[in-house]
Amino acid sequence: MKKIIILLMFLLIMPFVYAKEYHIPLLAVRETTSGFEGSTADLYLEIQKGKGRIFLDTYPLTKLDTQMSTRFAKEIACSEIDFDCSNYDFIYTIKSDSVIVGGPSAGAAITLLTIAALENLELNENITITGTINSGGLIGPVGGLKEKIDAASEIGIITILIPHGERTAEIENITIADYVINISIENKSIIDLIKYGKSKGVNVLEVSTIDEVLYYITGREIKKLNQTLEIDKEYMETMKSVTNGLCSKALNFQKELSINEFEDSDQKIFENAVNLTKRYKKAVENEKYYSAASYCFGANTKFAYLTLKQEDLTNSEILTKITEIKSHIANMNKVIDEKKLKTITDLETYMIVKERIIEAEENIDKVLDVENTTEKIYYLSYGMERLNSAISWSVFFDKGQKEFVINEEDIKKSCMDKIYEAEERYNYLNTFSLNNFEDTQKEINLAKNDLENGDYELCLFKASKAKANSDLILNTIGVEESQLLDVTNQKLDIIKNNIIEGQREGVFPVIGYSYYEYANDLKERDIFSSMLFVEYSLELSNLDIYFKEKSKKIDFNIDFDNNVVSFVLIFISGLLIGIWIGKKKPKK
């Protein structure tokens, strides 16, 4: 009898709970025989106790796999609010009436919904977001915005949030309307999507970050940092020493070569190298040491080429130099492969040094593959200077403040995740028939080779750059050239805030900051190169997301079904009373 009572008491206190389901409407496109049309879908999320797994169901199946962007969006959400999501499973469901494209275009919405669920925020379902989610919580560009506005107007969506810089779009047919900005000679019209939205009864707003999205859809206040970025002193001193080494060599080269006379083509090379040394001096004045080092590296490759050319090396002398360089490369590889990576700075240093060593070796090997002496000298000089650059960067080993548990399995997993993310972006570009992204596929293939060879750190680096290459192409969709500087400045502000956030946690991203600085230095002179380094910086400014331990634990507000609980309480109470009366009944 005691056992029965204990069992019933356990049932009495057992929580009859149901995971709350969160929802947001999605905007999508579907492919038809006449092109893309706008479509809508519904995104649902349940969070349950588990092991950090992600489950995704799509009804019907999307044209592109959405699994990887869902995983990445969840990681960004957990990182943004510093939640430990490792003990919970996330169950996402996408339902639509027809097959939609899918891919990374729902990333921002997935991040939004995940944060709302973790913080129990109320969502305004009259507002929705379309955009990818990128490192640092940046909202990235997507295609089919006009079609999505059409779909939103049909289901009564009041406001659509779109990625900053995508206000304009190109449509196939010439249209005369208030929202048309320009008519091209190719029977196409450039339209203003904000004005087009108004014509459809939809308010269209541009957003840059997930914080802005949260503000518009949940009312949560935007995080305001308003801080000046203080460059890590250890980084500054180390980068300054790298710059001094590379640039003193450039100045010595220049001094030795300035007394010579060159042929016209070589004179041009010499003048370009001298111009790079002038840029280095200006960069140093502004304490932009990575930019200065980059300019000096460029100058050194040109000066070294001219120097070797003047030496008039024989094939035997070239082979001797190749043997010496390969010996240095082998020693360098041995040294860095034995390094124990303890900080994010160690990890970043390994990536950038290893990449330079490989590039040095590739160029040295090319010397043997070509017959032309001028080409031999070019590859030899570049390989020599790339190795010198690797040696210079190696001084960053054993730097950094906060130590992490960086084991091989974690790096391998992060490498694989980043490859999947890059492939998903690449496939998304293919869907919209965009071109000029051969470099992306090349970087993805190189990352896969590194994965197979067990060089997971370099795999992570190359896959990050491949994803950045895809994002750069996406970022130019529908963006007028006159807007590029504005878009770049907005992203630079976001990167700055991300770096500040990282510093609060004891992490200063060496590569991320270096690329941020270089993008700033390039933006007025070479906007497209600046935009590329912006994307590199975004991808490489928060590598700690793959290794850090979150400080908060999730505490869900779990909804109780009051009717079920009441029924069970009455049932169990009746049983207990019956048992008690039975015990009290006198024996005959």
Protein backbone atom coordinates (compact mmCIF):
# COMPACT_ATOMS: atom_id res chain seq x y z
CA MET A 1 0.00 0.00 0.00
CA LYS A 2 2.83 2.39 0.85
CA LYS A 3 4.31 1.84 -2.61
CA ILE A 4 1.02 2.74 -4.26
CA ILE A 5 0.71 5.93 -2.21
CA ILE A 6 4.31 6.95 -3.05
CA LEU A 7 3.64 6.32 -6.75
CA LEU A 8 0.47 8.37 -6.65
CA MET A 9 2.21 11.21 -4.81
CA PHE A 10 4.92 11.21 -7.51
CA LEU A 11 2.26 11.45 -10.18
CA LEU A 12 0.70 14.30 -8.25
CA ILE A 13 3.81 16.45 -8.32
CA MET A 14 4.99 15.40 -11.82
CA PRO A 15 4.82 18.48 -14.12
CA PHE A 16 2.46 18.02 -17.02
CA VAL A 17 4.07 20.48 -19.35
CA TYR A 18 4.09 21.21 -23.02
CA ALA A 19 6.84 23.07 -24.88
CA LYS A 20 5.58 26.38 -26.15
CA GLU A 21 5.58 26.74 -29.93
CA TYR A 22 6.81 30.02 -31.41
CA HIS A 23 5.85 31.23 -34.88
CA ILE A 24 6.72 33.85 -37.47
CA PRO A 25 5.54 34.24 -41.07
CA LEU A 26 8.20 33.79 -43.74
CA LEU A 27 8.54 35.40 -47.15
CA ALA A 28 10.02 33.25 -49.89
CA VAL A 29 10.11 32.73 -53.63
CA ARG A 30 9.10 29.74 -55.69
CA GLU A 31 10.32 28.85 -59.14
CA THR A 32 7.76 28.66 -61.93
CA THR A 33 7.96 28.16 -65.67
CA SER A 34 7.79 31.95 -66.12
CA GLY A 35 10.41 32.75 -63.47
CA PHE A 36 10.30 33.41 -59.71
CA GLU A 37 7.12 34.33 -57.87
CA GLY A 38 6.62 35.50 -54.33
CA SER A 39 5.41 32.97 -51.80
CA THR A 40 4.79 32.72 -48.07
CA ALA A 41 5.51 30.09 -45.48
CA ASP A 42 5.29 29.62 -41.73
CA LEU A 43 8.26 29.03 -39.44
CA TYR A 44 7.67 27.29 -36.10
CA LEU A 45 10.06 26.54 -33.25
CA GLU A 46 9.87 24.32 -30.18
CA ILE A 47 12.70 24.01 -27.67
CA GLN A 48 13.01 20.93 -25.47
CA LYS A 49 15.52 19.42 -23.09
CA GLY A 50 18.14 17.59 -25.12
CA LYS A 51 21.73 17.56 -26.34
CA GLY A 52 22.05 20.72 -28.45
CA ARG A 53 20.65 19.05 -31.56
CA ILE A 54 18.76 20.75 -34.36
CA PHE A 55 15.82 19.19 -36.14
CA LEU A 56 14.31 20.73 -39.25
CA ASP A 57 11.19 19.64 -41.10
CA THR A 58 10.03 21.35 -44.27
CA TYR A 59 6.62 20.72 -45.81
CA PRO A 60 7.03 20.35 -48.74
CA LEU A 61 10.81 20.03 -49.14
CA THR A 62 12.60 23.25 -50.10
CA LYS A 63 14.55 23.41 -53.36
CA LEU A 64 17.79 24.12 -51.46
CA ASP A 65 18.89 22.49 -48.25
CA THR A 66 18.17 24.82 -45.33
CA GLN A 67 19.69 22.65 -42.59
CA MET A 68 23.08 24.36 -42.40
CA SER A 69 21.79 27.92 -42.39
CA THR A 70 19.35 26.89 -39.65
CA ARG A 71 22.20 25.52 -37.56
CA PHE A 72 24.28 28.67 -38.11
CA ALA A 73 21.31 30.95 -37.34
CA LYS A 74 20.76 29.10 -34.05
CA GLU A 75 24.45 29.48 -33.16
CA ILE A 76 24.30 33.21 -33.88
CA ALA A 77 21.17 33.53 -31.71
CA CYS A 78 22.76 31.72 -28.75
CA SER A 79 25.94 33.78 -29.12
CA GLU A 80 24.09 37.10 -29.43
CA ILE A 81 22.37 36.68 -26.06
CA ASP A 82 25.13 34.59 -24.46
CA PHE A 83 22.97 31.55 -23.78
CA ASP A 84 24.24 28.02 -23.20
CA CYS A 85 22.11 26.07 -25.70
CA SER A 86 24.02 22.80 -25.41
CA ASN A 87 21.44 21.05 -23.22
CA TYR A 88 18.43 21.79 -25.41
CA ASP A 89 17.13 20.54 -28.73
CA PHE A 90 15.71 23.00 -31.26
CA ILE A 91 12.87 21.76 -33.46
CA TYR A 92 12.17 23.98 -36.46
CA THR A 93 9.33 23.45 -38.92
CA ILE A 94 8.76 25.30 -42.18
CA LYS A 95 5.34 24.86 -43.79
CA SER A 96 4.33 26.27 -47.15
CA ASP A 97 1.71 25.60 -49.79
CA SER A 98 4.28 24.95 -52.52
CA VAL A 99 7.98 24.20 -52.98
CA ILE A 100 10.03 27.27 -52.07
CA VAL A 101 13.70 28.00 -52.77
CA GLY A 102 14.91 27.77 -49.17
CA GLY A 103 18.64 28.05 -48.48
CA PRO A 104 20.10 30.83 -46.32
CA SER A 105 17.46 33.49 -47.07
CA ALA A 106 15.47 32.62 -43.92
CA GLY A 107 18.54 32.90 -41.67
CA ALA A 108 17.60 36.25 -40.14
CA ALA A 109 14.06 35.06 -39.38
CA ILE A 110 15.38 31.86 -37.77
CA THR A 111 17.79 33.86 -35.59
CA LEU A 112 14.98 36.23 -34.60
CA LEU A 113 12.60 33.41 -33.70
CA THR A 114 15.29 31.58 -31.70
CA ILE A 115 16.14 34.66 -29.64
CA ALA A 116 12.43 35.38 -29.08
CA ALA A 117 11.92 31.82 -27.82
CA LEU A 118 14.96 31.88 -25.54
CA GLU A 119 13.98 35.24 -24.04
CA ASN A 120 10.20 34.62 -24.19
CA LEU A 121 9.60 37.75 -26.27
CA GLU A 122 6.27 38.57 -27.90
CA LEU A 123 6.45 38.73 -31.70
CA ASN A 124 4.47 41.19 -33.80
CA GLU A 125 3.32 38.92 -36.63
CA ASN A 126 2.29 41.89 -38.77
CA ILE A 127 6.03 42.45 -39.35
CA THR A 128 8.50 40.02 -40.88
CA ILE A 129 12.11 39.92 -42.01
CA THR A 130 13.80 38.50 -45.10
CA GLY A 131 17.58 38.29 -45.15
CA THR A 132 20.52 36.02 -44.45
CA ILE A 133 22.24 36.06 -41.08
CA ASN A 134 25.98 36.58 -40.99
CA SER A 135 28.72 36.54 -38.39
CA GLY A 136 28.29 39.29 -35.85
CA GLY A 137 24.50 39.36 -36.31
CA LEU A 138 24.69 41.20 -39.64
CA ILE A 139 21.65 40.94 -41.90
CA GLY A 140 22.82 39.93 -45.38
CA PRO A 141 21.28 40.34 -48.83
CA VAL A 142 18.77 38.05 -50.55
CA GLY A 143 17.09 37.88 -53.93
CA GLY A 144 13.48 38.17 -55.03
CA LEU A 145 12.55 41.16 -52.84
CA LYS A 146 9.92 42.59 -55.23
CA GLU A 147 8.23 39.19 -55.42
CA LYS A 148 8.31 38.88 -51.63
CA ILE A 149 6.65 42.28 -51.25
CA ASP A 150 3.90 41.07 -53.60
CA ALA A 151 3.40 37.97 -51.47
CA ALA A 152 3.38 39.97 -48.22
CA SER A 153 0.68 42.32 -49.48
CA GLU A 154 -1.55 39.33 -50.27
CA ILE A 155 -1.51 38.00 -46.69
CA GLY A 156 -1.78 41.36 -44.95
CA ILE A 157 1.79 41.82 -43.72
CA ILE A 158 2.10 45.48 -42.73
CA THR A 159 5.89 45.85 -42.58
CA ILE A 160 8.78 44.02 -44.23
CA LEU A 161 12.36 44.41 -43.00
CA ILE A 162 14.93 44.03 -45.79
CA PRO A 163 18.75 44.07 -45.71
CA HIS A 164 20.37 47.50 -45.75
CA GLY A 165 21.57 48.46 -49.23
CA GLU A 166 18.90 46.48 -51.09
CA ARG A 167 16.41 49.29 -51.54
CA THR A 168 16.59 49.08 -55.34
CA ALA A 169 15.84 46.13 -57.61
CA GLU A 170 15.94 45.41 -61.30
CA ILE A 171 12.83 44.08 -63.03
CA GLU A 172 12.58 42.64 -66.52
CA ASN A 173 9.89 44.80 -68.09
CA ILE A 174 9.86 48.55 -68.63
CA THR A 175 7.35 50.03 -66.23
CA ILE A 176 6.14 53.59 -65.85
CA ALA A 177 5.32 54.27 -62.21
CA ASP A 178 6.26 56.48 -59.25
CA TYR A 179 8.55 53.78 -57.88
CA VAL A 180 10.66 53.49 -61.07
CA ILE A 181 14.07 55.13 -60.70
CA ASN A 182 15.61 54.37 -64.06
CA ILE A 183 14.89 52.55 -67.31
CA SER A 184 17.85 50.75 -68.84
CA ILE A 185 18.56 50.12 -72.50
CA GLU A 186 18.07 46.36 -71.95
CA ASN A 187 14.30 46.62 -71.46
CA LYS A 188 14.67 46.61 -67.69
CA SER A 189 13.58 48.99 -64.97
CA ILE A 190 15.29 49.92 -61.70
CA ILE A 191 12.69 50.34 -58.97
CA ASP A 192 12.68 51.75 -55.45
CA LEU A 193 11.38 48.93 -53.24
CA ILE A 194 10.31 51.27 -50.46
CA LYS A 195 8.07 53.21 -52.87
CA TYR A 196 6.96 49.97 -54.50
CA GLY A 197 5.97 48.63 -51.10
CA LYS A 198 3.84 51.70 -50.46
CA SER A 199 2.03 51.11 -53.73
CA LYS A 200 1.18 47.65 -52.39
CA GLY A 201 0.23 48.87 -48.91
CA VAL A 202 3.39 47.47 -47.33
CA ASN A 203 5.89 49.47 -45.26
CA VAL A 204 9.45 48.47 -46.29
CA LEU A 205 12.33 49.26 -43.93
CA GLU A 206 16.06 48.58 -44.29
CA VAL A 207 17.91 46.98 -41.36
CA SER A 208 21.56 46.10 -40.78
CA THR A 209 21.67 43.96 -37.63
CA ILE A 210 19.65 41.41 -35.71
CA ASP A 211 19.35 43.99 -32.91
CA GLU A 212 17.39 46.27 -35.23
CA VAL A 213 15.18 43.36 -36.27
CA LEU A 214 14.45 42.52 -32.63
CA TYR A 215 13.56 46.15 -31.95
CA TYR A 216 11.02 46.36 -34.78
CA ILE A 217 9.39 42.95 -34.25
CA THR A 218 9.58 42.50 -30.45
CA GLY A 219 10.20 46.02 -29.14
CA ARG A 220 13.43 44.96 -27.42
CA GLU A 221 15.76 47.93 -27.05
CA ILE A 222 18.78 48.04 -29.35
CA LYS A 223 22.10 47.46 -27.61
CA LYS A 224 23.99 50.74 -27.56
CA LEU A 225 27.73 50.46 -27.13
CA ASN A 226 28.81 54.02 -27.93
CA GLN A 227 32.38 53.09 -27.15
CA THR A 228 35.62 53.87 -28.85
CA LEU A 229 37.48 50.84 -30.12
CA GLU A 230 40.65 50.56 -28.09
CA ILE A 231 43.21 48.56 -30.01
CA ASP A 232 44.82 45.83 -27.95
CA LYS A 233 48.26 47.07 -26.83
CA GLU A 234 49.92 43.68 -27.29
CA TYR A 235 48.55 43.51 -30.84
CA MET A 236 49.75 47.03 -31.61
CA GLU A 237 53.29 46.37 -30.42
CA THR A 238 53.49 43.02 -32.21
CA MET A 239 52.03 44.32 -35.48
CA LYS A 240 54.34 47.33 -35.29
CA SER A 241 57.34 45.02 -35.07
CA VAL A 242 56.06 42.98 -38.06
CA THR A 243 55.68 46.22 -40.01
CA ASN A 244 59.15 47.46 -39.08
CA GLY A 245 60.70 44.21 -40.28
CA LEU A 246 58.90 44.13 -43.63
CA CYS A 247 59.19 47.85 -44.30
CA SER A 248 62.85 48.27 -43.39
CA LYS A 249 63.53 45.57 -45.96
CA ALA A 250 61.46 47.48 -48.53
CA LEU A 251 63.39 50.69 -47.89
CA ASN A 252 66.73 48.87 -48.21
CA PHE A 253 65.59 47.35 -51.50
CA GLN A 254 64.54 50.78 -52.74
CA LYS A 255 67.85 52.37 -51.78
CA GLU A 256 69.90 49.69 -53.52
CA LEU A 257 67.78 49.73 -56.69
CA SER A 258 67.35 53.50 -57.02
CA ILE A 259 70.78 53.93 -58.62
CA ASN A 260 69.90 51.54 -61.45
CA GLU A 261 68.31 52.19 -64.78
CA PHE A 262 65.51 49.89 -65.91
CA GLU A 263 63.76 48.99 -69.09
CA ASP A 264 60.36 50.63 -69.51
CA SER A 265 58.39 47.66 -68.16
CA ASP A 266 60.70 47.23 -65.17
CA GLN A 267 60.71 50.97 -64.52
CA LYS A 268 56.94 50.78 -64.14
CA ILE A 269 57.31 47.94 -61.62
CA PHE A 270 59.88 49.99 -59.68
CA GLU A 271 57.60 53.06 -59.59
CA ASN A 272 54.65 50.95 -58.37
CA ALA A 273 56.83 49.56 -55.58
CA VAL A 274 57.94 53.08 -54.59
CA ASN A 275 54.29 54.19 -54.49
CA LEU A 276 53.52 51.33 -52.11
CA THR A 277 56.30 52.48 -49.76
CA LYS A 278 54.71 55.95 -49.76
CA ARG A 279 51.40 54.42 -48.73
CA TYR A 280 53.18 52.52 -45.97
CA LYS A 281 54.55 55.75 -44.51
CA LYS A 282 51.11 57.35 -44.47
CA ALA A 283 49.59 54.23 -42.87
CA VAL A 284 52.25 54.24 -40.13
CA GLU A 285 51.48 57.90 -39.40
CA ASN A 286 47.87 56.83 -38.76
CA GLU A 287 49.00 53.78 -36.73
CA LYS A 288 47.51 51.41 -39.30
CA TYR A 289 50.26 48.86 -38.98
CA TYR A 290 48.63 45.93 -40.77
CA SER A 291 47.90 48.14 -43.78
CA ALA A 292 51.50 49.37 -43.71
CA ALA A 293 52.80 45.79 -43.57
CA SER A 294 50.58 44.83 -46.53
CA TYR A 295 51.91 47.69 -48.63
CA CYS A 296 55.49 46.78 -47.75
CA PHE A 297 54.90 43.13 -48.64
CA GLY A 298 53.61 44.25 -52.04
CA ALA A 299 56.65 46.49 -52.49
CA ASN A 300 59.04 43.71 -51.44
CA THR A 301 57.70 41.28 -54.05
CA LYS A 302 58.34 43.86 -56.77
CA PHE A 303 61.74 44.94 -55.45
CA ALA A 304 62.82 41.29 -55.01
CA TYR A 305 61.78 40.54 -58.58
CA LEU A 306 63.87 43.43 -59.93
CA THR A 307 66.84 42.44 -57.75
CA LEU A 308 66.81 38.80 -58.86
CA LYS A 309 66.38 39.84 -62.46
CA GLN A 310 69.46 42.04 -62.26
CA GLU A 311 71.48 39.19 -60.77
CA ASP A 312 70.96 37.33 -64.06
CA LEU A 313 70.77 33.95 -62.30
CA THR A 314 71.66 30.74 -64.12
CA ASN A 315 69.34 27.72 -63.90
CA SER A 316 71.78 26.12 -61.49
CA GLU A 317 71.71 29.18 -59.21
CA ILE A 318 67.91 29.22 -59.35
CA LEU A 319 67.79 25.55 -58.33
CA THR A 320 70.12 26.30 -55.42
CA LYS A 321 67.82 29.05 -54.19
CA ILE A 322 64.80 26.73 -54.55
CA THR A 323 66.54 24.08 -52.43
CA GLU A 324 67.34 26.64 -49.71
CA ILE A 325 63.78 27.99 -49.65
CA LYS A 326 62.24 24.52 -49.51
CA SER A 327 64.49 23.70 -46.55
CA HIS A 328 63.28 26.83 -44.74
CA ILE A 329 59.67 25.90 -45.55
CA ALA A 330 60.12 22.38 -44.14
CA ASN A 331 61.63 23.78 -40.92
CA MET A 332 58.86 26.35 -40.62
CA ASN A 333 56.17 23.71 -41.08
CA LYS A 334 57.74 21.56 -38.38
CA VAL A 335 57.85 24.45 -35.92
CA ILE A 336 54.24 25.59 -36.33
CA ASP A 337 52.80 22.05 -36.48
CA GLU A 338 54.25 21.47 -33.00
CA LYS A 339 52.59 24.60 -31.61
CA LYS A 340 49.90 24.02 -29.01
CA LEU A 341 46.97 26.35 -29.70
CA LYS A 342 45.67 27.86 -26.47
CA THR A 343 44.09 31.15 -27.54
CA ILE A 344 42.06 32.44 -30.48
CA THR A 345 45.17 34.46 -31.39
CA ASP A 346 47.16 31.21 -31.61
CA LEU A 347 44.49 29.72 -33.88
CA GLU A 348 44.39 32.80 -36.13
CA THR A 349 48.20 32.95 -36.28
CA TYR A 350 48.39 29.31 -37.31
CA MET A 351 45.84 29.96 -40.08
CA ILE A 352 47.59 32.96 -41.57
CA VAL A 353 51.15 31.60 -41.22
CA LYS A 354 50.21 28.21 -42.67
CA GLU A 355 48.41 29.84 -45.61
CA ARG A 356 51.49 31.93 -46.41
CA ILE A 357 53.79 28.91 -46.21
CA ILE A 358 51.58 26.97 -48.62
CA GLU A 359 51.45 29.93 -51.02
CA ALA A 360 55.25 30.21 -50.81
CA GLU A 361 55.66 26.53 -51.63
CA GLU A 362 53.16 26.69 -54.51
CA ASN A 363 55.04 29.58 -56.10
CA ILE A 364 58.42 27.89 -55.66
CA ASP A 365 57.04 24.76 -57.34
CA LYS A 366 55.83 26.88 -60.27
CA VAL A 367 59.42 27.98 -60.90
CA LEU A 368 60.15 24.42 -62.03
CA ASP A 369 57.02 24.26 -64.20
CA VAL A 370 57.78 27.23 -66.48
CA GLU A 371 60.45 27.69 -69.12
CA ASN A 372 60.44 31.47 -69.41
CA THR A 373 63.19 33.02 -67.25
CA THR A 374 61.12 36.12 -66.42
CA GLU A 375 58.30 33.92 -65.11
CA LYS A 376 60.78 31.85 -63.11
CA ILE A 377 62.10 35.01 -61.44
CA TYR A 378 58.56 36.24 -60.71
CA TYR A 379 57.47 33.03 -58.97
CA LEU A 380 60.80 32.75 -57.13
CA SER A 381 60.63 36.31 -55.79
CA TYR A 382 56.99 35.98 -54.73
CA GLY A 383 57.63 32.65 -53.01
CA MET A 384 60.61 34.10 -51.11
CA GLU A 385 58.65 37.10 -49.87
CA ARG A 386 55.59 35.02 -48.97
CA LEU A 387 57.81 32.86 -46.77
CA ASN A 388 59.29 36.00 -45.17
CA SER A 389 55.76 37.21 -44.48
CA ALA A 390 54.92 33.89 -42.79
CA ILE A 391 58.02 34.16 -40.59
CA SER A 392 57.06 37.74 -39.67
CA TRP A 393 53.53 36.75 -38.67
CA SER A 394 54.74 33.84 -36.51
CA VAL A 395 55.61 36.31 -33.72
CA PHE A 396 51.89 36.35 -32.88
CA PHE A 397 52.10 32.81 -31.46
CA ASP A 398 51.70 32.59 -27.67
CA LYS A 399 49.85 35.92 -27.60
CA GLY A 400 46.26 36.60 -26.54
CA GLN A 401 44.60 36.92 -23.18
CA LYS A 402 41.84 34.34 -22.79
CA GLU A 403 42.63 30.65 -23.14
CA PHE A 404 40.16 28.22 -24.68
CA VAL A 405 39.95 24.46 -24.91
CA ILE A 406 40.79 24.22 -28.61
CA ASN A 407 40.90 20.53 -29.44
CA GLU A 408 41.13 18.82 -32.79
CA GLU A 409 37.53 17.59 -32.80
CA ASP A 410 36.13 21.09 -32.15
CA ILE A 411 38.22 22.57 -34.96
CA LYS A 412 37.20 19.74 -37.29
CA LYS A 413 33.52 20.30 -36.53
CA SER A 414 33.81 24.06 -37.00
CA CYS A 415 35.65 23.48 -40.28
CA MET A 416 32.89 21.17 -41.53
CA ASP A 417 30.17 23.59 -40.44
CA LYS A 418 31.87 26.45 -42.25
CA ILE A 419 32.21 24.38 -45.44
CA TYR A 420 28.48 23.62 -45.34
CA GLU A 421 27.70 27.30 -44.78
CA ALA A 422 29.90 28.29 -47.72
CA GLU A 423 28.34 25.64 -49.98
CA GLU A 424 24.87 26.77 -49.03
CA ARG A 425 25.69 30.35 -50.04
CA TYR A 426 27.30 29.10 -53.25
CA ASN A 427 24.20 27.06 -54.15
CA TYR A 428 22.00 30.05 -53.37
CA LEU A 429 24.00 32.14 -55.86
CA ASN A 430 23.53 29.41 -58.46
CA THR A 431 19.77 29.43 -57.93
CA PHE A 432 19.52 33.06 -59.01
CA SER A 433 21.79 32.49 -62.02
CA LEU A 434 24.47 34.77 -60.64
CA ASN A 435 28.00 34.32 -61.98
CA ASN A 436 31.60 35.37 -61.36
CA PHE A 437 32.08 33.20 -58.30
CA GLU A 438 34.63 30.65 -59.48
CA ASP A 439 36.92 31.73 -56.62
CA THR A 440 34.27 30.63 -54.14
CA GLN A 441 34.14 27.10 -55.52
CA LYS A 442 37.94 26.99 -55.62
CA GLU A 443 38.20 28.01 -51.94
CA ILE A 444 35.54 25.45 -50.97
CA ASN A 445 37.46 22.69 -52.77
CA LEU A 446 40.70 23.76 -51.09
CA ALA A 447 38.96 23.71 -47.70
CA LYS A 448 37.69 20.19 -48.42
CA ASN A 449 41.22 19.09 -49.29
CA ASP A 450 42.45 20.47 -45.97
CA LEU A 451 39.65 18.62 -44.20
CA GLU A 452 40.66 15.34 -45.84
CA ASN A 453 44.32 15.97 -44.94
CA GLY A 454 43.48 16.70 -41.31
CA ASP A 455 44.55 20.37 -41.45
CA TYR A 456 41.35 21.58 -39.82
CA GLU A 457 42.61 25.05 -38.86
CA LEU A 458 43.44 25.94 -42.46
CA CYS A 459 40.16 24.36 -43.58
CA LEU A 460 38.24 26.71 -41.27
CA PHE A 461 40.19 29.69 -42.63
CA LYS A 462 39.61 28.85 -46.30
CA ALA A 463 35.94 27.95 -45.84
CA SER A 464 35.42 31.27 -44.01
CA LYS A 465 36.96 33.12 -46.96
CA ALA A 466 34.82 31.12 -49.41
CA LYS A 467 31.69 32.15 -47.55
CA ALA A 468 32.93 35.74 -47.53
CA ASN A 469 33.41 35.62 -51.32
CA SER A 470 29.79 34.52 -51.75
CA ASP A 471 28.57 37.24 -49.42
CA LEU A 472 30.49 39.86 -51.39
CA ILE A 473 28.64 38.87 -54.56
CA LEU A 474 25.30 38.83 -52.76
CA ASN A 475 26.05 42.25 -51.32
CA THR A 476 26.24 43.80 -54.77
CA ILE A 477 22.77 42.60 -55.79
CA GLY A 478 20.56 45.60 -56.39
CA VAL A 479 23.06 48.03 -54.88
CA GLU A 480 23.90 51.13 -56.88
CA GLU A 481 27.64 51.88 -57.06
CA SER A 482 26.97 55.22 -55.38
CA GLN A 483 25.65 53.31 -52.33
CA LEU A 484 28.63 50.99 -51.92
CA LEU A 485 30.60 53.31 -49.64
CA ASP A 486 27.58 53.81 -47.38
CA VAL A 487 26.99 50.05 -47.15
CA THR A 488 30.69 49.48 -46.44
CA ASN A 489 30.74 52.10 -43.66
CA GLN A 490 27.69 50.52 -42.02
CA LYS A 491 29.36 47.12 -42.01
CA LEU A 492 32.58 48.58 -40.64
CA ASP A 493 30.58 50.04 -37.74
CA ILE A 494 29.08 46.61 -37.08
CA ILE A 495 32.53 44.98 -37.15
CA LYS A 496 33.81 47.61 -34.72
CA ASN A 497 31.00 46.81 -32.30
CA ASN A 498 31.64 43.08 -32.67
CA ILE A 499 35.31 43.58 -31.84
CA ILE A 500 34.37 45.66 -28.78
CA GLU A 501 32.01 42.88 -27.64
CA GLY A 502 34.81 40.35 -28.08
CA GLN A 503 37.21 42.46 -26.04
CA ARG A 504 34.72 42.43 -23.17
CA GLU A 505 35.13 38.65 -23.13
CA GLY A 506 38.92 38.79 -23.31
CA VAL A 507 39.24 38.10 -27.05
CA PHE A 508 40.90 40.42 -29.57
CA PRO A 509 40.55 39.00 -33.13
CA VAL A 510 43.96 39.53 -34.71
CA ILE A 511 42.94 38.71 -38.28
CA GLY A 512 39.47 40.20 -37.93
CA TYR A 513 40.85 43.52 -36.71
CA SER A 514 43.67 43.54 -39.29
CA TYR A 515 41.20 43.11 -42.14
CA TYR A 516 38.89 45.71 -40.57
CA GLU A 517 41.74 48.21 -40.50
CA TYR A 518 42.79 47.40 -44.07
CA ALA A 519 39.20 47.74 -45.36
CA ASN A 520 39.02 51.17 -43.74
CA ASP A 521 42.26 52.19 -45.42
CA LEU A 522 41.15 50.94 -48.86
CA LYS A 523 37.57 52.19 -48.99
CA GLU A 524 38.21 55.62 -50.54
CA ARG A 525 40.64 54.26 -53.14
CA ASP A 526 39.41 50.74 -53.97
CA ILE A 527 35.85 50.15 -52.75
CA PHE A 528 35.52 46.58 -54.10
CA SER A 529 38.73 45.39 -52.42
CA SER A 530 37.57 47.15 -49.26
CA MET A 531 34.23 45.30 -49.40
CA LEU A 532 36.03 41.97 -49.76
CA PHE A 533 38.13 42.60 -46.66
CA VAL A 534 34.99 43.72 -44.83
CA GLU A 535 33.47 40.29 -45.51
CA TYR A 536 36.70 38.56 -44.45
CA SER A 537 36.68 40.55 -41.23
CA LEU A 538 33.05 39.69 -40.48
CA GLU A 539 33.73 35.99 -40.89
CA LEU A 540 36.95 36.00 -38.86
CA SER A 541 36.06 38.42 -36.05
CA ASN A 542 34.14 35.91 -33.94
CA LEU A 543 35.83 32.53 -34.32
CA ASP A 544 35.38 32.12 -30.57
CA ILE A 545 31.70 31.30 -31.27
CA TYR A 546 32.88 27.75 -32.04
CA PHE A 547 34.85 27.31 -28.82
CA LYS A 548 33.60 29.56 -26.04
CA GLU A 549 31.42 28.48 -23.15
CA LYS A 550 28.25 30.53 -22.78
CA SER A 551 27.73 32.10 -19.37
CA LYS A 552 23.96 31.87 -19.09
CA LYS A 553 21.72 28.86 -18.72
CA ILE A 554 18.30 28.65 -20.26
CA ASP A 555 15.34 28.97 -17.96
CA PHE A 556 12.20 28.53 -19.99
CA ASN A 557 8.77 29.78 -18.97
CA ILE A 558 7.03 26.46 -19.61
CA ASP A 559 3.29 26.59 -20.20
CA PHE A 560 1.11 24.26 -18.14
CA ASP A 561 -2.11 22.90 -19.58
CA ASN A 562 -4.42 23.82 -16.69
CA ASN A 563 -7.28 21.54 -17.81
CA VAL A 564 -5.05 18.47 -17.89
CA VAL A 565 -3.44 19.32 -14.56
CA SER A 566 -6.84 19.91 -12.92
CA PHE A 567 -8.20 16.59 -14.21
CA VAL A 568 -5.15 14.66 -12.99
CA LEU A 569 -5.24 16.36 -9.57
CA ILE A 570 -8.93 15.48 -9.12
CA PHE A 571 -8.33 11.91 -10.29
CA ILE A 572 -5.38 11.32 -7.98
CA SER A 573 -7.12 13.05 -5.06
CA GLY A 574 -10.12 10.73 -5.53
CA LEU A 575 -7.87 7.68 -5.51
CA LEU A 576 -6.10 8.81 -2.36
CA ILE A 577 -9.38 9.50 -0.56
CA GLY A 578 -10.72 6.10 -1.63
CA ILE A 579 -7.62 4.35 -0.31
CA TRP A 580 -7.86 6.28 2.97
CA ILE A 581 -11.57 5.40 3.45
CA GLY A 582 -10.82 1.75 2.63
CA LYS A 583 -8.18 1.64 5.33
CA LYS A 584 -10.55 3.21 7.89
CA LYS A 585 -13.46 0.84 7.18
CA PRO A 586 -13.97 -1.50 10.25
CA LYS A 587 -13.38 -5.24 9.74
CA LYS A 588 -16.37 -7.58 10.25
